[in-house]
Amino acid sequence: MLNAIYEEDFLGFSYGFRPGRSRHDALDALAVGIETQRVNWILDADIAGFFDAASHEWLLRFVEHRVGDRRVIRLIRKWLKAGVMENGQVIATTSGTPQGAVISPLLANIYLHYVIDLWAQQWRQRHAQGDMILVRYADDIVVGFQHRHDAERFQTEMAQRLAAFALSLHPDKTRLIEFGRRAADDRRRRGLGKPETFNFLGFTHICARSRAGRFQLRRRSRRDRMRAKLHEIRDVLWQHRHAPLNEQGSWLGSVVRGYFAYHAVPGSSRGTGFVRFGAAVSATKPHGPRSIVCWIAGLQSRPSFTRGRVNASPSNTQGGSRMRECRLYGSVRGARSNARPYRDPRTTLLNREGHSVYGANVAIDR
């Protein structure tokens, strides 16, 4: 019922925890705003510990401003005062929204709607001297400006606005950077390096150029989270290294498909390709380098990974090992230029003097 009520009030640039809106919608809105509007400066703002610092008093006043039913207000107050359990002990809460409660995302949106959204919309209409875009997902806020003085003034007044409602900007995660279509050229004329990047919803946003030389917003999966995912894959595969190969491939396929479902967005092909290759390397590392070629082939030709196994035809290598067919030259015997790293024990190679390079004078059976 509360969702239906507040969906009539929430503004269009709010995307977090709302029905019919997702993280991809927020990313698309930001990309369209940067590429189509005259954006030269980006304010990447983050509220410090929002879910733990929100004032109960202000939150109840915000709800009472829209909802007149005292039973609903009493229920929300109980939710806020319920406390949290840590190590078997109940700890009373005096601020913040209840962690894990189904109403917590809605209460967060209500709080930020009155603290940030309505104020920012009014600021854009009254004070902004150039173009201005804003995208908010929960407590992650990205604001784009045409002029630097607008960005600096907005940041200062935003900090004052948050302080009035028991909130503050995170000092390490809040940055004002030069970013947009003209950022690279302007910085080059001033003798500076490439434009800085910023993170939003798990992606690193980069100023780039298309093949035609036009501005292009490029997005990459955050490097730290990408590495964490690959380390997680490696650890799980190591724990199940004795499981059948098709079971490992089926699990790995579900993980990679889930990763791609979120991270495969326009402009992120290089990052997702790295994860795909890294998943193959992680899959083969517990077993050594011998199966990496087959796994990569399975990744490229069989996205489901369910049939990404080695060739089932009889092997011609020593010992009849199907896995050794996939070893790279030089991975086990000989140098990289050795064209026959897995020789037949009945034959050997002769040097120029006619002596066996392996110590036995046996001619090659041609």
Protein backbone atom coordinates (compact mmCIF):
# COMPACT_ATOMS: atom_id res chain seq x y z
CA MET A 1 0.00 0.00 0.00
CA LEU A 2 2.80 2.42 0.86
CA ASN A 3 4.60 1.58 -2.40
CA ALA A 4 1.50 2.49 -4.38
CA ILE A 5 1.16 5.77 -2.49
CA TYR A 6 4.74 6.93 -2.83
CA GLU A 7 5.10 5.88 -6.47
CA GLU A 8 2.85 8.87 -7.16
CA ASP A 9 5.37 11.18 -5.45
CA PHE A 10 8.84 9.85 -6.28
CA LEU A 11 10.71 11.70 -9.03
CA GLY A 12 11.98 10.30 -12.29
CA PHE A 13 15.71 10.35 -11.47
CA SER A 14 15.22 8.04 -8.47
CA TYR A 15 15.80 4.39 -9.46
CA GLY A 16 16.69 2.44 -6.32
CA PHE A 17 14.29 -0.23 -5.00
CA ARG A 18 11.33 0.86 -7.08
CA PRO A 19 8.94 -1.43 -8.98
CA GLY A 20 9.63 -1.55 -12.70
CA ARG A 21 13.08 0.06 -12.31
CA SER A 22 16.45 -1.61 -12.10
CA ARG A 23 20.14 -0.82 -11.92
CA HIS A 24 20.37 -1.09 -15.70
CA ASP A 25 17.70 1.61 -16.03
CA ALA A 26 19.81 3.90 -13.84
CA LEU A 27 22.94 3.12 -15.87
CA ASP A 28 21.11 3.79 -19.14
CA ALA A 29 19.73 7.08 -17.86
CA LEU A 30 23.21 8.20 -16.80
CA ALA A 31 24.75 7.18 -20.13
CA VAL A 32 22.09 9.01 -22.14
CA GLY A 33 22.46 12.13 -19.99
CA ILE A 34 26.23 12.26 -20.34
CA GLU A 35 26.21 11.60 -24.09
CA THR A 36 23.34 13.92 -25.05
CA GLN A 37 23.59 16.81 -22.57
CA ARG A 38 26.37 19.35 -22.20
CA VAL A 39 28.01 17.65 -19.23
CA ASN A 40 31.61 18.61 -18.44
CA TRP A 41 31.80 17.92 -14.70
CA ILE A 42 30.61 14.95 -12.64
CA LEU A 43 29.90 15.00 -8.91
CA ASP A 44 30.12 11.42 -7.64
CA ALA A 45 28.47 11.65 -4.22
CA ASP A 46 28.00 8.99 -1.58
CA ILE A 47 26.22 9.42 1.76
CA ALA A 48 28.29 8.12 4.66
CA GLY A 49 26.57 5.22 6.46
CA PHE A 50 23.11 6.26 5.36
CA PHE A 51 21.25 3.11 6.46
CA ASP A 52 22.74 3.48 9.94
CA ALA A 53 22.52 7.26 10.31
CA ALA A 54 19.01 8.14 9.13
CA SER A 55 17.08 9.94 11.87
CA HIS A 56 13.96 8.15 13.16
CA GLU A 57 12.38 11.43 14.13
CA TRP A 58 12.76 12.96 10.68
CA LEU A 59 11.66 9.75 8.96
CA LEU A 60 8.41 9.56 10.95
CA ARG A 61 7.73 13.23 10.20
CA PHE A 62 8.22 12.57 6.49
CA VAL A 63 5.79 9.64 6.58
CA GLU A 64 3.21 11.60 8.57
CA HIS A 65 3.37 14.30 5.91
CA ARG A 66 1.81 11.87 3.41
CA VAL A 67 0.09 9.15 5.50
CA GLY A 68 -2.61 10.04 8.01
CA ASP A 69 -3.46 6.56 9.30
CA ARG A 70 -2.06 6.33 12.85
CA ARG A 71 -2.02 2.53 12.69
CA VAL A 72 0.47 2.63 9.83
CA ILE A 73 2.61 5.18 11.68
CA ARG A 74 2.58 2.98 14.80
CA LEU A 75 3.63 -0.07 12.78
CA ILE A 76 6.53 1.81 11.16
CA ARG A 77 7.65 3.07 14.56
CA LYS A 78 7.73 -0.52 15.85
CA TRP A 79 9.78 -1.54 12.84
CA LEU A 80 12.30 1.19 13.55
CA LYS A 81 12.54 0.41 17.28
CA ALA A 82 12.70 -3.39 16.94
CA GLY A 83 16.50 -3.46 17.22
CA VAL A 84 19.01 -5.90 15.78
CA MET A 85 20.37 -9.17 17.11
CA GLU A 86 24.15 -9.67 17.28
CA ASN A 87 25.69 -12.79 18.84
CA GLY A 88 22.38 -13.72 20.40
CA GLN A 89 21.83 -10.33 22.04
CA VAL A 90 19.21 -7.76 21.01
CA ILE A 91 20.66 -4.26 20.57
CA ALA A 92 18.28 -1.29 20.55
CA THR A 93 18.46 1.05 17.55
CA THR A 94 18.10 4.79 17.90
CA SER A 95 18.84 5.72 14.28
CA GLY A 96 18.95 4.12 10.85
CA THR A 97 16.54 1.89 8.98
CA PRO A 98 16.12 -1.78 10.02
CA GLN A 99 18.63 -3.96 8.21
CA GLY A 100 16.97 -6.82 6.36
CA ALA A 101 13.40 -5.60 6.89
CA VAL A 102 11.18 -5.59 3.82
CA ILE A 103 10.22 -1.97 4.44
CA SER A 104 13.80 -0.70 4.76
CA PRO A 105 14.31 0.15 1.03
CA LEU A 106 11.03 2.06 0.93
CA LEU A 107 11.83 4.02 4.07
CA ALA A 108 15.24 4.90 2.61
CA ASN A 109 13.61 6.23 -0.56
CA ILE A 110 11.10 8.25 1.47
CA TYR A 111 13.89 9.83 3.52
CA LEU A 112 16.02 10.73 0.50
CA HIS A 113 13.00 11.90 -1.48
CA TYR A 114 12.43 14.74 0.97
CA VAL A 115 16.08 15.37 1.82
CA ILE A 116 17.69 15.19 -1.65
CA ASP A 117 15.29 14.72 -4.55
CA LEU A 118 12.85 17.59 -4.00
CA TRP A 119 15.66 19.97 -3.01
CA ALA A 120 17.85 19.00 -6.02
CA GLN A 121 14.97 19.44 -8.45
CA GLN A 122 14.27 22.90 -7.05
CA TRP A 123 17.99 23.79 -7.13
CA ARG A 124 18.22 22.81 -10.80
CA GLN A 125 15.24 24.99 -11.70
CA ARG A 126 16.33 28.04 -9.70
CA HIS A 127 20.12 28.14 -9.49
CA ALA A 128 21.72 26.04 -12.26
CA GLN A 129 23.14 28.26 -15.03
CA GLY A 130 23.82 25.40 -17.42
CA ASP A 131 22.72 21.86 -18.13
CA MET A 132 22.41 19.55 -15.14
CA ILE A 133 21.56 15.85 -14.87
CA LEU A 134 20.98 13.75 -11.77
CA VAL A 135 20.67 9.98 -11.22
CA ARG A 136 20.16 8.48 -7.76
CA TYR A 137 20.13 4.83 -6.81
CA ALA A 138 19.52 4.57 -3.04
CA ASP A 139 22.38 6.51 -1.42
CA ASP A 140 24.60 6.54 -4.55
CA ILE A 141 24.18 9.86 -6.36
CA VAL A 142 25.74 11.06 -9.62
CA VAL A 143 25.18 14.66 -10.72
CA GLY A 144 26.44 16.11 -14.01
CA PHE A 145 27.02 19.82 -14.68
CA GLN A 146 27.94 21.97 -17.62
CA HIS A 147 29.80 24.57 -15.53
CA ARG A 148 32.28 23.98 -12.74
CA HIS A 149 30.97 26.79 -10.54
CA ASP A 150 27.53 25.15 -10.58
CA ALA A 151 29.07 21.86 -9.46
CA GLU A 152 31.07 23.44 -6.64
CA ARG A 153 28.11 25.42 -5.36
CA PHE A 154 25.82 22.38 -5.50
CA GLN A 155 28.33 20.26 -3.58
CA THR A 156 28.68 22.86 -0.83
CA GLU A 157 24.95 23.41 -0.44
CA MET A 158 24.27 19.67 -0.63
CA ALA A 159 26.61 19.05 2.31
CA GLN A 160 24.76 21.73 4.30
CA ARG A 161 21.40 20.20 3.35
CA LEU A 162 22.44 16.73 4.51
CA ALA A 163 23.86 18.06 7.78
CA ALA A 164 20.44 19.52 8.62
CA PHE A 165 18.97 16.01 8.49
CA ALA A 166 21.69 14.10 10.41
CA LEU A 167 23.55 12.96 7.28
CA SER A 168 26.92 13.72 5.69
CA LEU A 169 28.84 13.07 2.50
CA HIS A 170 31.49 10.35 2.57
CA PRO A 171 34.84 12.20 2.39
CA ASP A 172 36.65 9.47 0.43
CA LYS A 173 33.86 8.44 -1.94
CA THR A 174 32.64 11.92 -2.90
CA ARG A 175 34.59 13.50 -5.77
CA LEU A 176 34.18 16.28 -8.32
CA ILE A 177 35.93 15.33 -11.56
CA GLU A 178 36.15 16.71 -15.08
CA PHE A 179 34.24 14.28 -17.28
CA GLY A 180 32.29 14.48 -20.53
CA ARG A 181 32.56 15.12 -24.25
CA ARG A 182 34.99 18.03 -23.94
CA ALA A 183 36.94 16.81 -20.92
CA ALA A 184 39.76 15.09 -22.85
CA ASP A 185 40.36 18.06 -25.19
CA ASP A 186 40.17 20.65 -22.40
CA ARG A 187 42.63 18.74 -20.22
CA ARG A 188 45.02 18.24 -23.14
CA ARG A 189 45.10 21.99 -23.80
CA ARG A 190 45.97 22.60 -20.14
CA GLY A 191 48.74 20.00 -20.27
CA LEU A 192 46.92 17.48 -18.07
CA GLY A 193 46.42 13.76 -18.50
CA LYS A 194 43.35 11.75 -19.38
CA PRO A 195 40.04 12.48 -17.62
CA GLU A 196 39.50 10.70 -14.34
CA THR A 197 37.03 7.86 -14.01
CA PHE A 198 34.25 7.23 -11.51
CA ASN A 199 32.40 4.17 -10.24
CA PHE A 200 28.64 3.76 -10.21
CA LEU A 201 26.64 0.58 -9.57
CA GLY A 202 29.58 -1.75 -10.08
CA PHE A 203 30.91 -0.13 -13.27
CA THR A 204 33.86 2.16 -13.92
CA HIS A 205 32.82 4.93 -16.33
CA ILE A 206 35.52 6.07 -18.75
CA CYS A 207 35.80 8.85 -21.34
CA ALA A 208 36.70 7.20 -24.65
CA ARG A 209 36.57 7.69 -28.41
CA SER A 210 34.75 5.65 -31.02
CA ARG A 211 36.40 4.51 -34.25
CA ALA A 212 34.99 7.60 -35.93
CA GLY A 213 36.67 9.81 -33.33
CA ARG A 214 33.51 10.79 -31.49
CA PHE A 215 33.02 10.84 -27.75
CA GLN A 216 31.93 7.51 -26.30
CA LEU A 217 31.10 6.55 -22.74
CA ARG A 218 32.85 3.29 -21.99
CA ARG A 219 31.94 1.15 -18.99
CA ARG A 220 34.04 -1.56 -17.40
CA SER A 221 33.25 -3.84 -14.52
CA ARG A 222 35.00 -2.66 -11.38
CA ARG A 223 38.43 -4.27 -11.21
CA ASP A 224 38.25 -5.17 -7.53
CA ARG A 225 34.90 -6.91 -7.90
CA MET A 226 36.01 -8.70 -11.05
CA ARG A 227 39.05 -10.06 -9.25
CA ALA A 228 36.93 -11.08 -6.26
CA LYS A 229 34.59 -13.05 -8.55
CA LEU A 230 37.50 -14.84 -10.25
CA HIS A 231 39.04 -15.70 -6.88
CA GLU A 232 35.69 -17.06 -5.74
CA ILE A 233 35.43 -19.23 -8.86
CA ARG A 234 38.95 -20.52 -8.35
CA ASP A 235 38.32 -21.43 -4.69
CA VAL A 236 35.06 -23.28 -5.41
CA LEU A 237 36.58 -25.20 -8.31
CA TRP A 238 39.53 -26.17 -6.14
CA GLN A 239 37.18 -27.52 -3.47
CA HIS A 240 35.33 -29.58 -6.09
CA ARG A 241 38.34 -30.49 -8.22
CA HIS A 242 37.53 -34.21 -8.08
CA ALA A 243 33.96 -33.77 -9.34
CA PRO A 244 33.18 -34.85 -12.93
CA LEU A 245 34.19 -32.34 -15.54
CA ASN A 246 30.66 -31.88 -16.87
CA GLU A 247 29.40 -31.01 -13.36
CA GLN A 248 32.14 -28.42 -12.94
CA GLY A 249 31.32 -27.01 -16.37
CA SER A 250 27.61 -26.81 -15.59
CA TRP A 251 28.25 -24.89 -12.37
CA LEU A 252 30.79 -22.62 -14.03
CA GLY A 253 28.35 -21.90 -16.84
CA SER A 254 25.65 -20.78 -14.43
CA VAL A 255 28.09 -18.47 -12.63
CA VAL A 256 29.38 -16.88 -15.84
CA ARG A 257 25.87 -16.47 -17.27
CA GLY A 258 24.76 -14.80 -14.04
CA TYR A 259 27.75 -12.45 -14.20
CA PHE A 260 27.01 -11.60 -17.82
CA ALA A 261 23.32 -10.98 -17.06
CA TYR A 262 24.35 -7.88 -15.12
CA HIS A 263 27.77 -6.84 -16.43
CA ALA A 264 27.25 -7.37 -20.19
CA VAL A 265 26.19 -3.81 -21.05
CA PRO A 266 27.15 -1.73 -24.11
CA GLY A 267 30.76 -0.63 -23.86
CA SER A 268 31.89 -3.39 -21.49
CA SER A 269 32.86 -6.16 -23.92
CA ARG A 270 36.53 -6.13 -22.94
CA GLY A 271 35.80 -6.55 -19.25
CA THR A 272 33.28 -9.36 -19.72
CA GLY A 273 35.62 -11.08 -22.15
CA PHE A 274 38.34 -10.98 -19.52
CA VAL A 275 36.01 -12.62 -17.01
CA ARG A 276 35.14 -15.29 -19.56
CA PHE A 277 38.80 -16.04 -20.18
CA GLY A 278 39.63 -15.83 -16.48
CA ALA A 279 36.87 -18.31 -15.66
CA ALA A 280 38.42 -20.73 -18.14
CA VAL A 281 41.85 -20.28 -16.58
CA SER A 282 40.40 -20.76 -13.09
CA ALA A 283 38.65 -23.90 -14.27
CA THR A 284 41.86 -25.40 -15.60
CA LYS A 285 44.28 -24.20 -12.93
CA PRO A 286 43.45 -26.93 -10.37
CA HIS A 287 44.12 -29.52 -13.09
CA GLY A 288 47.21 -27.85 -14.53
CA PRO A 289 47.56 -26.09 -17.89
CA ARG A 290 46.75 -29.16 -19.94
CA SER A 291 43.05 -28.49 -20.43
CA ILE A 292 43.01 -24.72 -20.92
CA VAL A 293 42.69 -24.90 -24.72
CA CYS A 294 39.66 -27.17 -24.54
CA TRP A 295 38.01 -25.00 -21.88
CA ILE A 296 38.52 -21.84 -23.93
CA ALA A 297 37.10 -23.60 -26.99
CA GLY A 298 34.13 -24.66 -24.89
CA LEU A 299 33.62 -21.09 -23.69
CA GLN A 300 33.61 -19.74 -27.23
CA SER A 301 31.47 -22.40 -28.88
CA ARG A 302 29.30 -23.67 -26.03
CA PRO A 303 28.10 -20.82 -23.81
CA SER A 304 26.12 -23.24 -21.65
CA PHE A 305 29.33 -25.08 -20.66
CA THR A 306 27.27 -28.27 -20.34
CA ARG A 307 29.06 -29.95 -23.24
CA GLY A 308 32.36 -28.12 -23.01
CA ARG A 309 34.43 -31.31 -22.53
CA VAL A 310 37.51 -32.59 -24.27
CA ASN A 311 37.33 -34.52 -27.54
CA ALA A 312 35.99 -38.02 -26.96
CA SER A 313 37.81 -39.51 -29.94
CA PRO A 314 40.69 -41.95 -29.25
CA SER A 315 43.91 -40.16 -28.47
CA ASN A 316 47.14 -40.62 -30.41
CA THR A 317 49.33 -39.28 -27.64
CA GLN A 318 51.46 -41.24 -25.26
CA GLY A 319 49.35 -43.16 -22.79
CA GLY A 320 46.12 -42.37 -24.68
CA SER A 321 45.36 -39.39 -22.44
CA ARG A 322 42.53 -37.26 -23.78
CA MET A 323 43.64 -34.32 -21.64
CA ARG A 324 47.15 -34.22 -23.13
CA GLU A 325 45.70 -33.55 -26.55
CA CYS A 326 44.90 -30.06 -25.34
CA ARG A 327 48.29 -29.19 -23.87
CA LEU A 328 50.15 -26.30 -25.37
CA TYR A 329 53.51 -26.98 -26.97
CA GLY A 330 56.21 -26.73 -24.38
CA SER A 331 53.80 -27.07 -21.46
CA VAL A 332 55.23 -30.44 -20.40
CA ARG A 333 58.15 -31.46 -22.62
CA GLY A 334 60.44 -29.52 -24.92
CA ALA A 335 60.59 -25.89 -25.88
CA ARG A 336 57.78 -23.81 -27.34
CA SER A 337 59.08 -24.49 -30.88
CA ASN A 338 58.97 -28.25 -30.42
CA ALA A 339 56.42 -29.49 -32.95
CA ARG A 340 56.10 -32.91 -31.31
CA PRO A 341 56.15 -32.51 -27.53
CA TYR A 342 54.51 -35.90 -27.02
CA ARG A 343 56.62 -38.37 -28.96
CA ASP A 344 55.93 -42.02 -29.48
CA PRO A 345 58.28 -43.99 -27.16
CA ARG A 346 59.00 -46.41 -30.04
CA THR A 347 60.59 -43.64 -32.10
CA THR A 348 62.96 -40.79 -31.43
CA LEU A 349 64.61 -37.88 -33.18
CA LEU A 350 68.11 -37.90 -34.67
CA ASN A 351 70.50 -35.00 -34.75
CA ARG A 352 72.65 -34.01 -37.72
CA GLU A 353 75.33 -36.56 -36.78
CA GLY A 354 72.81 -39.40 -36.82
CA HIS A 355 72.78 -39.89 -33.05
CA SER A 356 69.61 -39.90 -31.02
CA VAL A 357 68.96 -36.72 -29.13
CA TYR A 358 67.44 -38.86 -26.35
CA GLY A 359 70.32 -41.32 -26.07
CA ALA A 360 68.96 -44.19 -28.21
CA ASN A 361 69.98 -44.71 -31.82
CA VAL A 362 66.56 -45.57 -33.20
CA ALA A 363 65.42 -44.24 -36.56
CA ILE A 364 62.08 -42.59 -37.04
CA ASP A 365 59.45 -44.86 -38.50
CA ARG A 366 58.17 -42.92 -41.46
